[in-house]
N, C-alpha and C. Protein backbone atom coordinates (compact mmCIF):
# COMPACT_ATOMS: atom_id res chain seq x y z
N MET A 1 159.97 110.11 186.51
CA MET A 1 159.88 111.45 187.08
C MET A 1 161.25 111.89 187.61
N THR A 2 161.46 113.19 187.66
CA THR A 2 162.65 113.72 188.32
C THR A 2 162.40 113.74 189.83
N GLY A 3 163.42 114.09 190.59
CA GLY A 3 163.27 114.18 192.04
C GLY A 3 162.26 115.23 192.46
N SER A 4 162.04 116.24 191.60
CA SER A 4 161.06 117.28 191.92
C SER A 4 159.65 116.91 191.46
N GLY A 5 159.50 115.73 190.83
CA GLY A 5 158.18 115.29 190.40
C GLY A 5 157.82 115.66 188.98
N ARG A 6 158.79 116.15 188.20
CA ARG A 6 158.51 116.52 186.81
C ARG A 6 158.63 115.31 185.89
N PHE A 7 157.73 115.23 184.94
CA PHE A 7 157.74 114.19 183.91
C PHE A 7 159.04 114.28 183.11
N ARG A 8 159.80 113.17 183.00
CA ARG A 8 161.08 113.19 182.29
C ARG A 8 160.89 113.02 180.78
N LEU A 9 161.84 113.56 180.02
CA LEU A 9 161.77 113.51 178.57
C LEU A 9 161.89 112.07 178.05
N ASP A 10 162.79 111.29 178.64
CA ASP A 10 162.95 109.91 178.17
C ASP A 10 161.71 109.08 178.51
N ALA A 11 161.04 109.41 179.61
CA ALA A 11 159.80 108.71 179.95
C ALA A 11 158.72 109.04 178.91
N ALA A 12 158.66 110.30 178.49
CA ALA A 12 157.70 110.70 177.46
C ALA A 12 157.96 109.92 176.17
N ALA A 13 159.25 109.76 175.80
CA ALA A 13 159.60 109.02 174.59
C ALA A 13 159.15 107.56 174.69
N ARG A 14 159.27 106.97 175.86
CA ARG A 14 158.82 105.58 176.02
C ARG A 14 157.30 105.48 175.94
N PHE A 15 156.60 106.47 176.48
CA PHE A 15 155.14 106.50 176.34
C PHE A 15 154.77 106.52 174.86
N LEU A 16 155.49 107.34 174.07
CA LEU A 16 155.18 107.46 172.65
C LEU A 16 155.41 106.12 171.94
N GLN A 17 156.49 105.43 172.28
CA GLN A 17 156.76 104.11 171.70
C GLN A 17 155.64 103.13 172.04
N ASP A 18 155.26 103.10 173.30
CA ASP A 18 154.29 102.10 173.76
C ASP A 18 152.91 102.31 173.13
N VAL A 19 152.46 103.56 173.08
CA VAL A 19 151.12 103.80 172.53
C VAL A 19 151.12 103.58 171.02
N ALA A 20 152.26 103.84 170.34
CA ALA A 20 152.35 103.55 168.91
C ALA A 20 152.25 102.05 168.66
N ASN A 21 152.93 101.27 169.50
CA ASN A 21 152.87 99.81 169.37
C ASN A 21 151.45 99.31 169.65
N ASP A 22 150.83 99.85 170.70
CA ASP A 22 149.46 99.43 171.03
C ASP A 22 148.50 99.73 169.88
N ASP A 23 148.63 100.92 169.31
CA ASP A 23 147.74 101.34 168.23
C ASP A 23 147.94 100.45 167.00
N GLY A 24 149.20 100.16 166.67
CA GLY A 24 149.48 99.32 165.51
C GLY A 24 148.93 97.92 165.66
N ARG A 25 149.06 97.36 166.85
CA ARG A 25 148.54 96.01 167.08
C ARG A 25 147.01 96.00 167.09
N ASP A 26 146.42 97.03 167.67
CA ASP A 26 144.96 97.11 167.71
C ASP A 26 144.39 97.22 166.30
N ALA A 27 145.10 97.95 165.41
CA ALA A 27 144.65 98.11 164.03
C ALA A 27 145.07 96.94 163.14
N GLN A 28 145.84 96.00 163.71
CA GLN A 28 146.33 94.83 162.97
C GLN A 28 147.11 95.26 161.73
N MET A 29 148.01 96.22 161.95
CA MET A 29 148.82 96.72 160.83
C MET A 29 149.80 95.66 160.34
N GLU A 30 149.98 95.61 159.05
CA GLU A 30 150.91 94.69 158.42
C GLU A 30 152.35 95.09 158.72
N ASP A 31 153.24 94.10 158.94
CA ASP A 31 154.67 94.36 159.14
C ASP A 31 154.89 95.36 160.28
N LEU A 32 154.25 95.11 161.40
CA LEU A 32 154.24 96.07 162.51
C LEU A 32 155.63 96.38 163.05
N ASP A 33 156.55 95.41 163.03
CA ASP A 33 157.87 95.60 163.63
C ASP A 33 158.85 96.32 162.70
N GLY A 34 158.48 96.52 161.44
CA GLY A 34 159.42 97.10 160.48
C GLY A 34 159.38 98.61 160.42
N TRP A 35 159.51 99.28 161.57
CA TRP A 35 159.48 100.74 161.63
C TRP A 35 160.60 101.24 162.53
N VAL A 36 161.27 102.31 162.10
CA VAL A 36 162.28 102.95 162.94
C VAL A 36 162.00 104.46 162.96
N VAL A 37 162.31 105.10 164.06
CA VAL A 37 162.03 106.53 164.22
C VAL A 37 163.13 107.36 163.55
N ARG A 38 162.74 108.30 162.71
CA ARG A 38 163.68 109.24 162.10
C ARG A 38 163.75 110.55 162.92
N ARG A 39 162.61 111.01 163.39
CA ARG A 39 162.58 112.28 164.12
C ARG A 39 161.41 112.30 165.10
N THR A 40 161.63 112.87 166.27
CA THR A 40 160.56 113.10 167.25
C THR A 40 160.62 114.54 167.72
N SER A 41 159.49 115.21 167.68
CA SER A 41 159.37 116.58 168.18
C SER A 41 158.37 116.60 169.33
N MET A 42 158.73 117.28 170.39
CA MET A 42 157.81 117.45 171.52
C MET A 42 157.65 118.92 171.83
N ARG A 43 156.40 119.35 171.97
CA ARG A 43 156.09 120.69 172.45
C ARG A 43 155.42 120.49 173.81
N ILE A 44 156.11 120.91 174.86
CA ILE A 44 155.61 120.70 176.22
C ILE A 44 154.98 121.98 176.71
N GLU A 45 153.66 121.99 176.77
CA GLU A 45 152.94 123.18 177.24
C GLU A 45 153.03 123.30 178.76
N SER A 46 152.90 122.15 179.43
CA SER A 46 153.00 122.07 180.88
C SER A 46 153.33 120.63 181.23
N PHE A 47 154.23 120.42 182.20
CA PHE A 47 154.67 119.07 182.51
C PHE A 47 153.65 118.32 183.37
N PRO A 48 153.32 117.08 183.01
CA PRO A 48 152.60 116.22 183.96
C PRO A 48 153.43 116.04 185.23
N ARG A 49 152.74 115.76 186.34
CA ARG A 49 153.41 115.67 187.63
C ARG A 49 153.29 114.25 188.20
N TYR A 50 154.09 113.99 189.22
CA TYR A 50 154.18 112.68 189.86
C TYR A 50 152.82 112.16 190.30
N LEU A 51 152.53 110.90 189.95
CA LEU A 51 151.33 110.13 190.32
C LEU A 51 150.05 110.59 189.63
N GLU A 52 150.15 111.53 188.69
CA GLU A 52 148.96 111.93 187.95
C GLU A 52 148.58 110.85 186.93
N MET A 53 147.29 110.71 186.71
CA MET A 53 146.82 109.91 185.59
C MET A 53 146.99 110.72 184.32
N VAL A 54 147.40 110.05 183.23
CA VAL A 54 147.52 110.72 181.94
C VAL A 54 146.76 109.93 180.88
N ASP A 55 146.21 110.65 179.92
CA ASP A 55 145.57 110.05 178.75
C ASP A 55 146.49 110.26 177.55
N LEU A 56 146.60 109.24 176.71
CA LEU A 56 147.38 109.35 175.49
C LEU A 56 146.44 109.15 174.29
N HIS A 57 146.50 110.09 173.36
CA HIS A 57 145.71 110.04 172.14
C HIS A 57 146.67 110.04 170.97
N THR A 58 146.55 109.07 170.06
CA THR A 58 147.50 108.99 168.95
C THR A 58 146.79 108.70 167.63
N TRP A 59 147.35 109.23 166.56
CA TRP A 59 146.78 109.01 165.23
C TRP A 59 147.85 109.26 164.18
N CYS A 60 147.65 108.70 162.99
CA CYS A 60 148.56 108.93 161.87
C CYS A 60 148.14 110.22 161.20
N SER A 61 149.07 111.19 161.10
CA SER A 61 148.72 112.53 160.62
C SER A 61 149.26 112.83 159.23
N GLY A 62 149.99 111.89 158.62
CA GLY A 62 150.50 112.15 157.28
C GLY A 62 151.36 110.98 156.81
N VAL A 63 151.53 110.86 155.51
CA VAL A 63 152.31 109.76 154.96
C VAL A 63 153.20 110.26 153.83
N GLY A 64 154.25 109.47 153.56
CA GLY A 64 155.09 109.64 152.38
C GLY A 64 155.16 108.29 151.67
N SER A 65 156.15 108.12 150.81
CA SER A 65 156.25 106.86 150.07
C SER A 65 156.74 105.71 150.94
N HIS A 66 157.68 106.03 151.88
CA HIS A 66 158.29 105.00 152.71
C HIS A 66 158.21 105.35 154.21
N TRP A 67 157.42 106.31 154.57
CA TRP A 67 157.38 106.77 155.96
C TRP A 67 155.99 107.30 156.29
N ALA A 68 155.78 107.53 157.59
CA ALA A 68 154.51 108.07 158.06
C ALA A 68 154.76 108.89 159.32
N GLU A 69 153.91 109.87 159.53
CA GLU A 69 154.01 110.72 160.72
C GLU A 69 152.90 110.34 161.70
N ARG A 70 153.29 110.20 162.95
CA ARG A 70 152.34 109.88 164.02
C ARG A 70 152.33 111.02 165.03
N ARG A 71 151.16 111.50 165.35
CA ARG A 71 151.03 112.53 166.39
C ARG A 71 150.40 111.92 167.63
N THR A 72 150.86 112.41 168.77
CA THR A 72 150.38 111.89 170.05
C THR A 72 150.22 113.04 171.03
N SER A 73 149.11 113.06 171.73
CA SER A 73 148.88 114.02 172.82
C SER A 73 148.95 113.27 174.15
N ILE A 74 149.76 113.78 175.07
CA ILE A 74 149.82 113.26 176.44
C ILE A 74 149.19 114.32 177.33
N ILE A 75 148.06 113.98 177.93
CA ILE A 75 147.27 114.97 178.67
C ILE A 75 147.10 114.49 180.11
N ALA A 76 147.55 115.31 181.06
CA ALA A 76 147.47 114.98 182.48
C ALA A 76 146.21 115.55 183.11
N GLU A 77 145.79 114.96 184.21
CA GLU A 77 144.52 115.35 184.83
C GLU A 77 144.52 116.78 185.35
N SER A 78 145.70 117.33 185.68
CA SER A 78 145.76 118.70 186.20
C SER A 78 145.97 119.73 185.09
N GLY A 79 146.04 119.29 183.85
CA GLY A 79 146.24 120.22 182.73
C GLY A 79 147.59 120.12 182.05
N GLY A 80 148.51 119.32 182.60
CA GLY A 80 149.78 119.11 181.93
C GLY A 80 149.56 118.55 180.53
N ARG A 81 150.38 119.02 179.57
CA ARG A 81 150.13 118.60 178.20
C ARG A 81 151.42 118.55 177.40
N VAL A 82 151.61 117.45 176.67
CA VAL A 82 152.74 117.29 175.75
C VAL A 82 152.16 116.92 174.39
N GLU A 83 152.51 117.71 173.37
CA GLU A 83 152.10 117.41 171.99
C GLU A 83 153.34 116.91 171.25
N ALA A 84 153.25 115.72 170.69
CA ALA A 84 154.41 115.11 170.06
C ALA A 84 154.11 114.72 168.62
N SER A 85 155.15 114.78 167.80
CA SER A 85 155.06 114.35 166.41
C SER A 85 156.28 113.49 166.12
N ALA A 86 156.07 112.29 165.59
CA ALA A 86 157.17 111.38 165.31
C ALA A 86 157.10 110.91 163.86
N LEU A 87 158.24 110.98 163.17
CA LEU A 87 158.33 110.48 161.81
C LEU A 87 158.93 109.08 161.85
N TRP A 88 158.15 108.10 161.42
CA TRP A 88 158.58 106.70 161.43
C TRP A 88 158.84 106.25 160.00
N VAL A 89 159.98 105.63 159.76
CA VAL A 89 160.33 105.12 158.43
C VAL A 89 160.07 103.61 158.39
N HIS A 90 159.40 103.17 157.36
CA HIS A 90 159.11 101.76 157.16
C HIS A 90 160.34 101.11 156.53
N VAL A 91 160.87 100.05 157.13
CA VAL A 91 162.13 99.45 156.65
C VAL A 91 161.99 97.94 156.45
N ASP A 92 162.87 97.44 155.60
CA ASP A 92 163.06 96.00 155.45
C ASP A 92 163.97 95.54 156.59
N LEU A 93 163.51 94.68 157.46
CA LEU A 93 164.29 94.29 158.63
C LEU A 93 165.55 93.50 158.28
N GLN A 94 165.61 92.94 157.09
CA GLN A 94 166.81 92.21 156.67
C GLN A 94 167.92 93.16 156.23
N THR A 95 167.57 94.21 155.51
CA THR A 95 168.57 95.14 154.98
C THR A 95 168.60 96.47 155.71
N MET A 96 167.52 96.80 156.44
CA MET A 96 167.31 98.07 157.13
C MET A 96 167.21 99.24 156.14
N TRP A 97 166.93 98.95 154.88
CA TRP A 97 166.68 100.00 153.89
C TRP A 97 165.20 100.36 153.91
N PRO A 98 164.86 101.63 153.60
CA PRO A 98 163.44 102.03 153.54
C PRO A 98 162.65 101.17 152.58
N LYS A 99 161.43 100.89 152.97
CA LYS A 99 160.55 100.00 152.22
C LYS A 99 159.21 100.69 152.01
N GLN A 100 158.65 100.57 150.82
CA GLN A 100 157.40 101.25 150.50
C GLN A 100 156.28 100.81 151.44
N LEU A 101 155.41 101.76 151.77
CA LEU A 101 154.30 101.44 152.66
C LEU A 101 153.34 100.46 151.99
N PRO A 102 152.86 99.46 152.71
CA PRO A 102 151.91 98.52 152.12
C PRO A 102 150.55 99.19 151.88
N SER A 103 149.81 98.71 150.91
CA SER A 103 148.51 99.30 150.58
C SER A 103 147.55 99.21 151.75
N THR A 104 147.69 98.14 152.55
CA THR A 104 146.79 97.99 153.70
C THR A 104 147.00 99.11 154.72
N PHE A 105 148.22 99.65 154.79
CA PHE A 105 148.48 100.75 155.72
C PHE A 105 147.65 101.96 155.33
N HIS A 106 147.62 102.28 154.04
CA HIS A 106 146.85 103.44 153.57
C HIS A 106 145.36 103.24 153.83
N GLU A 107 144.91 102.01 153.71
CA GLU A 107 143.50 101.74 153.98
C GLU A 107 143.15 102.00 155.43
N ILE A 108 144.08 101.68 156.34
CA ILE A 108 143.83 101.84 157.78
C ILE A 108 143.86 103.30 158.19
N VAL A 109 144.84 104.06 157.68
CA VAL A 109 145.07 105.43 158.18
C VAL A 109 144.48 106.51 157.28
N GLY A 110 143.88 106.12 156.16
CA GLY A 110 143.42 107.10 155.18
C GLY A 110 142.50 108.17 155.74
N GLU A 111 141.55 107.77 156.57
CA GLU A 111 140.61 108.75 157.13
C GLU A 111 141.32 109.73 158.05
N ALA A 112 142.27 109.23 158.86
CA ALA A 112 142.98 110.11 159.80
C ALA A 112 143.90 111.09 159.09
N THR A 113 144.58 110.64 158.04
CA THR A 113 145.54 111.52 157.35
C THR A 113 144.86 112.51 156.42
N ALA A 114 143.67 112.17 155.95
CA ALA A 114 142.93 113.03 155.02
C ALA A 114 143.80 113.42 153.82
N GLY A 115 144.69 112.50 153.42
CA GLY A 115 145.52 112.76 152.25
C GLY A 115 146.74 113.62 152.48
N ARG A 116 147.03 113.98 153.72
CA ARG A 116 148.18 114.87 154.01
C ARG A 116 149.49 114.14 153.74
N LYS A 117 150.40 114.80 153.01
CA LYS A 117 151.71 114.26 152.70
C LYS A 117 152.77 114.90 153.59
N VAL A 118 153.77 114.12 153.99
CA VAL A 118 154.87 114.65 154.81
C VAL A 118 156.20 114.24 154.18
N GLY A 119 157.22 115.10 154.36
CA GLY A 119 158.55 114.81 153.87
C GLY A 119 159.41 114.16 154.94
N SER A 120 160.58 113.68 154.54
CA SER A 120 161.45 112.96 155.47
C SER A 120 162.82 113.61 155.66
N ARG A 121 163.05 114.78 155.07
CA ARG A 121 164.39 115.38 155.16
C ARG A 121 164.71 115.80 156.59
N HIS A 122 165.99 115.80 156.91
CA HIS A 122 166.42 116.22 158.24
C HIS A 122 166.22 117.73 158.41
N LEU A 123 165.81 118.12 159.60
CA LEU A 123 165.65 119.54 159.92
C LEU A 123 166.88 120.10 160.62
N LEU A 124 167.60 119.25 161.34
CA LEU A 124 168.78 119.69 162.11
C LEU A 124 170.03 119.27 161.35
N ARG A 125 170.61 120.21 160.61
CA ARG A 125 171.75 119.90 159.74
C ARG A 125 173.08 120.42 160.28
N GLY A 126 173.05 121.17 161.37
CA GLY A 126 174.29 121.71 161.92
C GLY A 126 175.19 120.63 162.50
N LYS A 127 176.47 120.95 162.63
CA LYS A 127 177.44 120.01 163.20
C LYS A 127 178.15 120.65 164.38
N PRO A 128 178.62 119.82 165.32
CA PRO A 128 179.37 120.39 166.47
C PRO A 128 180.68 121.01 166.01
N GLU A 129 181.15 121.99 166.78
CA GLU A 129 182.41 122.66 166.50
C GLU A 129 183.46 122.24 167.52
N VAL A 130 184.71 122.51 167.20
CA VAL A 130 185.82 122.11 168.08
C VAL A 130 185.67 122.71 169.47
N SER A 131 185.13 123.90 169.55
CA SER A 131 185.01 124.60 170.83
C SER A 131 183.84 124.14 171.68
N ASP A 132 182.97 123.31 171.13
CA ASP A 132 181.80 122.86 171.88
C ASP A 132 182.19 121.94 173.03
N ALA A 133 181.39 121.98 174.11
CA ALA A 133 181.64 121.11 175.26
C ALA A 133 181.38 119.66 174.87
N SER A 134 182.07 118.75 175.56
CA SER A 134 181.95 117.33 175.23
C SER A 134 182.03 116.49 176.49
N THR A 135 181.30 115.39 176.49
CA THR A 135 181.38 114.43 177.58
C THR A 135 181.17 113.03 177.03
N GLU A 136 181.78 112.03 177.65
CA GLU A 136 181.59 110.65 177.23
C GLU A 136 180.20 110.18 177.61
N TRP A 137 179.60 109.35 176.76
CA TRP A 137 178.30 108.76 177.06
C TRP A 137 178.47 107.26 177.16
N LYS A 138 178.30 106.72 178.34
CA LYS A 138 178.50 105.30 178.58
C LYS A 138 177.24 104.53 178.24
N MET A 139 177.32 103.65 177.24
CA MET A 139 176.19 102.85 176.85
C MET A 139 176.09 101.60 177.72
N ARG A 140 174.86 101.22 178.08
CA ARG A 140 174.62 100.06 178.92
C ARG A 140 173.99 98.94 178.11
N ALA A 141 174.11 97.73 178.59
CA ALA A 141 173.51 96.58 177.90
C ALA A 141 172.00 96.76 177.77
N THR A 142 171.38 97.37 178.77
CA THR A 142 169.93 97.54 178.76
C THR A 142 169.47 98.62 177.79
N ASP A 143 170.39 99.36 177.18
CA ASP A 143 170.03 100.40 176.20
C ASP A 143 169.77 99.82 174.82
N ILE A 144 170.17 98.56 174.59
CA ILE A 144 170.07 97.96 173.27
C ILE A 144 168.69 97.32 173.08
N ASP A 145 168.09 97.56 171.90
CA ASP A 145 166.74 97.05 171.66
C ASP A 145 166.76 95.81 170.76
N ALA A 146 165.59 95.41 170.28
CA ALA A 146 165.46 94.17 169.52
C ALA A 146 166.16 94.22 168.16
N LEU A 147 166.42 95.43 167.66
CA LEU A 147 167.14 95.58 166.39
C LEU A 147 168.65 95.68 166.61
N ASN A 148 169.09 95.49 167.85
CA ASN A 148 170.50 95.57 168.23
C ASN A 148 171.05 96.98 168.11
N HIS A 149 170.17 97.97 168.21
CA HIS A 149 170.54 99.38 168.21
C HIS A 149 170.21 99.98 169.57
N MET A 150 170.80 101.12 169.87
CA MET A 150 170.41 101.83 171.08
C MET A 150 168.98 102.34 170.89
N ASN A 151 168.11 102.00 171.83
CA ASN A 151 166.70 102.37 171.72
C ASN A 151 166.54 103.88 171.64
N ASN A 152 165.58 104.34 170.85
CA ASN A 152 165.46 105.78 170.61
C ASN A 152 165.15 106.57 171.88
N ALA A 153 164.48 105.96 172.85
CA ALA A 153 164.19 106.68 174.09
C ALA A 153 165.45 107.00 174.88
N VAL A 154 166.50 106.20 174.71
CA VAL A 154 167.74 106.41 175.46
C VAL A 154 168.43 107.71 175.02
N TYR A 155 168.27 108.09 173.75
CA TYR A 155 168.84 109.35 173.29
C TYR A 155 168.28 110.53 174.10
N TRP A 156 167.02 110.39 174.51
CA TRP A 156 166.38 111.46 175.29
C TRP A 156 166.95 111.57 176.70
N GLU A 157 167.58 110.50 177.19
CA GLU A 157 168.22 110.58 178.49
C GLU A 157 169.37 111.60 178.47
N ALA A 158 170.13 111.62 177.37
CA ALA A 158 171.22 112.59 177.24
C ALA A 158 170.67 114.02 177.19
N VAL A 159 169.55 114.21 176.49
CA VAL A 159 168.92 115.54 176.46
C VAL A 159 168.50 115.94 177.86
N GLU A 160 167.89 115.03 178.58
CA GLU A 160 167.47 115.30 179.96
C GLU A 160 168.66 115.69 180.83
N GLU A 161 169.76 114.93 180.72
CA GLU A 161 170.96 115.21 181.52
C GLU A 161 171.54 116.59 181.21
N LEU A 162 171.66 116.92 179.93
CA LEU A 162 172.28 118.18 179.53
C LEU A 162 171.41 119.37 179.87
N VAL A 163 170.09 119.21 179.76
CA VAL A 163 169.18 120.29 180.15
C VAL A 163 169.35 120.61 181.63
N ARG A 164 169.39 119.58 182.46
CA ARG A 164 169.53 119.80 183.90
C ARG A 164 170.88 120.38 184.25
N ALA A 165 171.93 119.98 183.53
CA ALA A 165 173.28 120.48 183.80
C ALA A 165 173.45 121.93 183.36
N ASN A 166 172.52 122.41 182.54
CA ASN A 166 172.63 123.78 182.02
C ASN A 166 171.48 124.66 182.44
N GLY A 167 171.05 124.51 183.70
CA GLY A 167 170.08 125.44 184.26
C GLY A 167 168.66 124.94 184.32
N GLY A 168 168.41 123.73 183.85
CA GLY A 168 167.06 123.20 183.94
C GLY A 168 166.16 123.63 182.80
N MET A 169 164.88 123.36 182.93
CA MET A 169 163.94 123.57 181.84
C MET A 169 162.56 123.88 182.41
N LYS A 170 161.92 124.90 181.87
CA LYS A 170 160.57 125.24 182.27
C LYS A 170 159.69 125.33 181.03
N ALA A 171 158.48 124.85 181.17
CA ALA A 171 157.54 124.90 180.06
C ALA A 171 157.01 126.34 179.91
N PRO A 172 156.60 126.72 178.69
CA PRO A 172 156.56 125.89 177.49
C PRO A 172 157.94 125.76 176.85
N VAL A 173 158.20 124.60 176.28
CA VAL A 173 159.48 124.33 175.64
C VAL A 173 159.24 123.39 174.46
N GLU A 174 160.07 123.54 173.44
CA GLU A 174 159.96 122.70 172.25
C GLU A 174 161.28 121.98 172.02
N ILE A 175 161.22 120.68 171.74
CA ILE A 175 162.43 119.87 171.58
C ILE A 175 162.30 119.03 170.32
N VAL A 176 163.35 119.02 169.52
CA VAL A 176 163.40 118.19 168.31
C VAL A 176 164.62 117.27 168.43
N LEU A 177 164.44 115.99 168.18
CA LEU A 177 165.55 115.03 168.17
C LEU A 177 165.47 114.22 166.89
N GLU A 178 166.56 114.25 166.12
CA GLU A 178 166.61 113.53 164.85
C GLU A 178 167.69 112.46 164.88
N HIS A 179 167.37 111.31 164.32
CA HIS A 179 168.33 110.21 164.22
C HIS A 179 168.95 110.22 162.83
N HIS A 180 170.27 110.42 162.78
CA HIS A 180 170.99 110.43 161.50
C HIS A 180 171.60 109.07 161.19
N ASP A 181 171.92 108.30 162.22
CA ASP A 181 172.53 106.98 162.05
C ASP A 181 172.27 106.20 163.33
N ALA A 182 172.41 104.89 163.25
CA ALA A 182 172.15 104.05 164.41
C ALA A 182 173.39 103.93 165.29
N ILE A 183 173.17 103.92 166.59
CA ILE A 183 174.22 103.57 167.55
C ILE A 183 174.06 102.09 167.86
N GLU A 184 175.13 101.33 167.68
CA GLU A 184 175.07 99.89 167.86
C GLU A 184 175.89 99.45 169.06
N ARG A 185 175.64 98.24 169.50
CA ARG A 185 176.38 97.67 170.61
C ARG A 185 177.88 97.76 170.34
N GLY A 186 178.63 98.26 171.32
CA GLY A 186 180.08 98.36 171.19
C GLY A 186 180.57 99.70 170.70
N ASP A 187 179.67 100.56 170.17
CA ASP A 187 180.10 101.89 169.74
C ASP A 187 180.54 102.73 170.93
N GLU A 188 181.55 103.53 170.73
CA GLU A 188 181.96 104.52 171.73
C GLU A 188 181.28 105.84 171.38
N VAL A 189 180.57 106.41 172.33
CA VAL A 189 179.72 107.56 172.06
C VAL A 189 180.11 108.73 172.97
N SER A 190 180.12 109.92 172.41
CA SER A 190 180.30 111.13 173.20
C SER A 190 179.15 112.09 172.88
N ILE A 191 178.88 113.00 173.80
CA ILE A 191 177.86 114.02 173.61
C ILE A 191 178.56 115.36 173.48
N ARG A 192 178.27 116.08 172.39
CA ARG A 192 178.78 117.43 172.19
C ARG A 192 177.62 118.40 172.30
N TRP A 193 177.84 119.57 172.88
CA TRP A 193 176.74 120.51 172.99
C TRP A 193 177.22 121.96 173.02
N ARG A 194 176.31 122.85 172.68
CA ARG A 194 176.55 124.29 172.82
C ARG A 194 175.22 125.01 173.02
N ILE A 195 175.30 126.19 173.61
CA ILE A 195 174.11 127.00 173.88
C ILE A 195 174.18 128.25 173.02
N GLU A 196 173.11 128.53 172.31
CA GLU A 196 172.99 129.73 171.50
C GLU A 196 171.69 130.43 171.87
N GLY A 197 171.79 131.50 172.67
CA GLY A 197 170.59 132.21 173.10
C GLY A 197 169.68 131.32 173.93
N ASP A 198 168.45 131.15 173.47
CA ASP A 198 167.48 130.33 174.22
C ASP A 198 167.45 128.89 173.73
N ARG A 199 168.51 128.47 172.99
CA ARG A 199 168.52 127.12 172.43
C ARG A 199 169.75 126.34 172.89
N LEU A 200 169.51 125.07 173.20
CA LEU A 200 170.58 124.13 173.52
C LEU A 200 170.65 123.12 172.40
N TYR A 201 171.82 123.04 171.75
CA TYR A 201 172.03 122.07 170.69
C TYR A 201 172.93 120.96 171.23
N LEU A 202 172.61 119.71 170.90
CA LEU A 202 173.49 118.62 171.30
C LEU A 202 173.50 117.53 170.25
N TRP A 203 174.63 116.79 170.22
CA TRP A 203 174.82 115.75 169.23
C TRP A 203 175.34 114.48 169.91
N HIS A 204 174.85 113.34 169.47
CA HIS A 204 175.44 112.05 169.81
C HIS A 204 176.46 111.74 168.72
N VAL A 205 177.73 111.66 169.09
CA VAL A 205 178.80 111.45 168.13
C VAL A 205 179.46 110.11 168.41
N VAL A 206 179.55 109.26 167.37
CA VAL A 206 180.17 107.94 167.51
C VAL A 206 181.67 108.07 167.28
N ASN A 207 182.44 107.10 167.79
CA ASN A 207 183.90 107.18 167.79
C ASN A 207 184.51 107.39 166.41
N ASP A 208 183.82 106.96 165.35
CA ASP A 208 184.37 107.14 164.01
C ASP A 208 183.98 108.49 163.41
N GLY A 209 183.38 109.36 164.21
CA GLY A 209 183.02 110.69 163.75
C GLY A 209 181.61 110.86 163.26
N ARG A 210 180.87 109.76 163.16
CA ARG A 210 179.49 109.85 162.69
C ARG A 210 178.62 110.58 163.70
N ILE A 211 177.73 111.43 163.20
CA ILE A 211 176.72 112.03 164.05
C ILE A 211 175.51 111.10 164.03
N ALA A 212 175.25 110.46 165.16
CA ALA A 212 174.14 109.52 165.24
C ALA A 212 172.82 110.22 165.45
N ALA A 213 172.83 111.33 166.19
CA ALA A 213 171.60 112.06 166.44
C ALA A 213 171.91 113.52 166.74
N ALA A 214 170.96 114.37 166.41
CA ALA A 214 171.07 115.81 166.69
C ALA A 214 169.81 116.26 167.40
N SER A 215 169.97 117.16 168.38
CA SER A 215 168.82 117.62 169.16
C SER A 215 168.89 119.13 169.33
N CYS A 216 167.70 119.72 169.47
CA CYS A 216 167.60 121.15 169.76
C CYS A 216 166.51 121.35 170.80
N VAL A 217 166.85 122.01 171.89
CA VAL A 217 165.90 122.34 172.94
C VAL A 217 165.69 123.85 172.89
N ARG A 218 164.47 124.29 172.69
CA ARG A 218 164.18 125.72 172.53
C ARG A 218 163.15 126.18 173.54
N SER A 219 163.53 127.17 174.34
CA SER A 219 162.59 127.73 175.31
C SER A 219 161.56 128.59 174.59
N LEU A 220 160.30 128.44 174.99
CA LEU A 220 159.22 129.22 174.39
C LEU A 220 158.70 130.28 175.35
N ARG A 221 159.42 130.48 176.45
CA ARG A 221 158.99 131.46 177.45
C ARG A 221 159.33 132.86 176.99
N GLY A 222 158.54 133.80 177.42
CA GLY A 222 158.81 135.21 177.12
C GLY A 222 158.28 135.64 175.79
């Protein structure tokens, strides 16, 4: 939570990770650890508040050849609600290349997906410009996950920081965060951002110029 009691974006991302893991283990999915997040979208209708109980509902809403979409609802007792959609890519943990979904996966999620197909192309294709604001992003040892990459929830910490530094955020709001490349231990990372109307764009940029992630925060008010 923030100091004002608002549910934080990075906390929401960790909730999404945890319930996805719980669901996969409960369903006894094959190759459970071989998944990485390509994109997460959150539509926040109203923020959950400090000490509220929340319910999480998750299901597989679509599949491709090497990926699947998972939707999750976070619903607070006072009416706070976050609707999230995450695109997870199935990978070979030895090579980190995309790997075809196992037949057992389709058997498990077939009823929930009802045959719906989803694509994997990036939605956020823009790049930062020379005039955009920039700040260094200091990576911590605790940010690294079991794949030796910066955990996907940590990217949301930068979104949270930049939103607060640029006037804050009020629901309803929609946020998309896409991973273009992995940030690894030892990488030097900076955050670039710019504001266009009711949208805040930001990028995680690695020292060699790679764009590791792109984000867009869009106000839905008015």
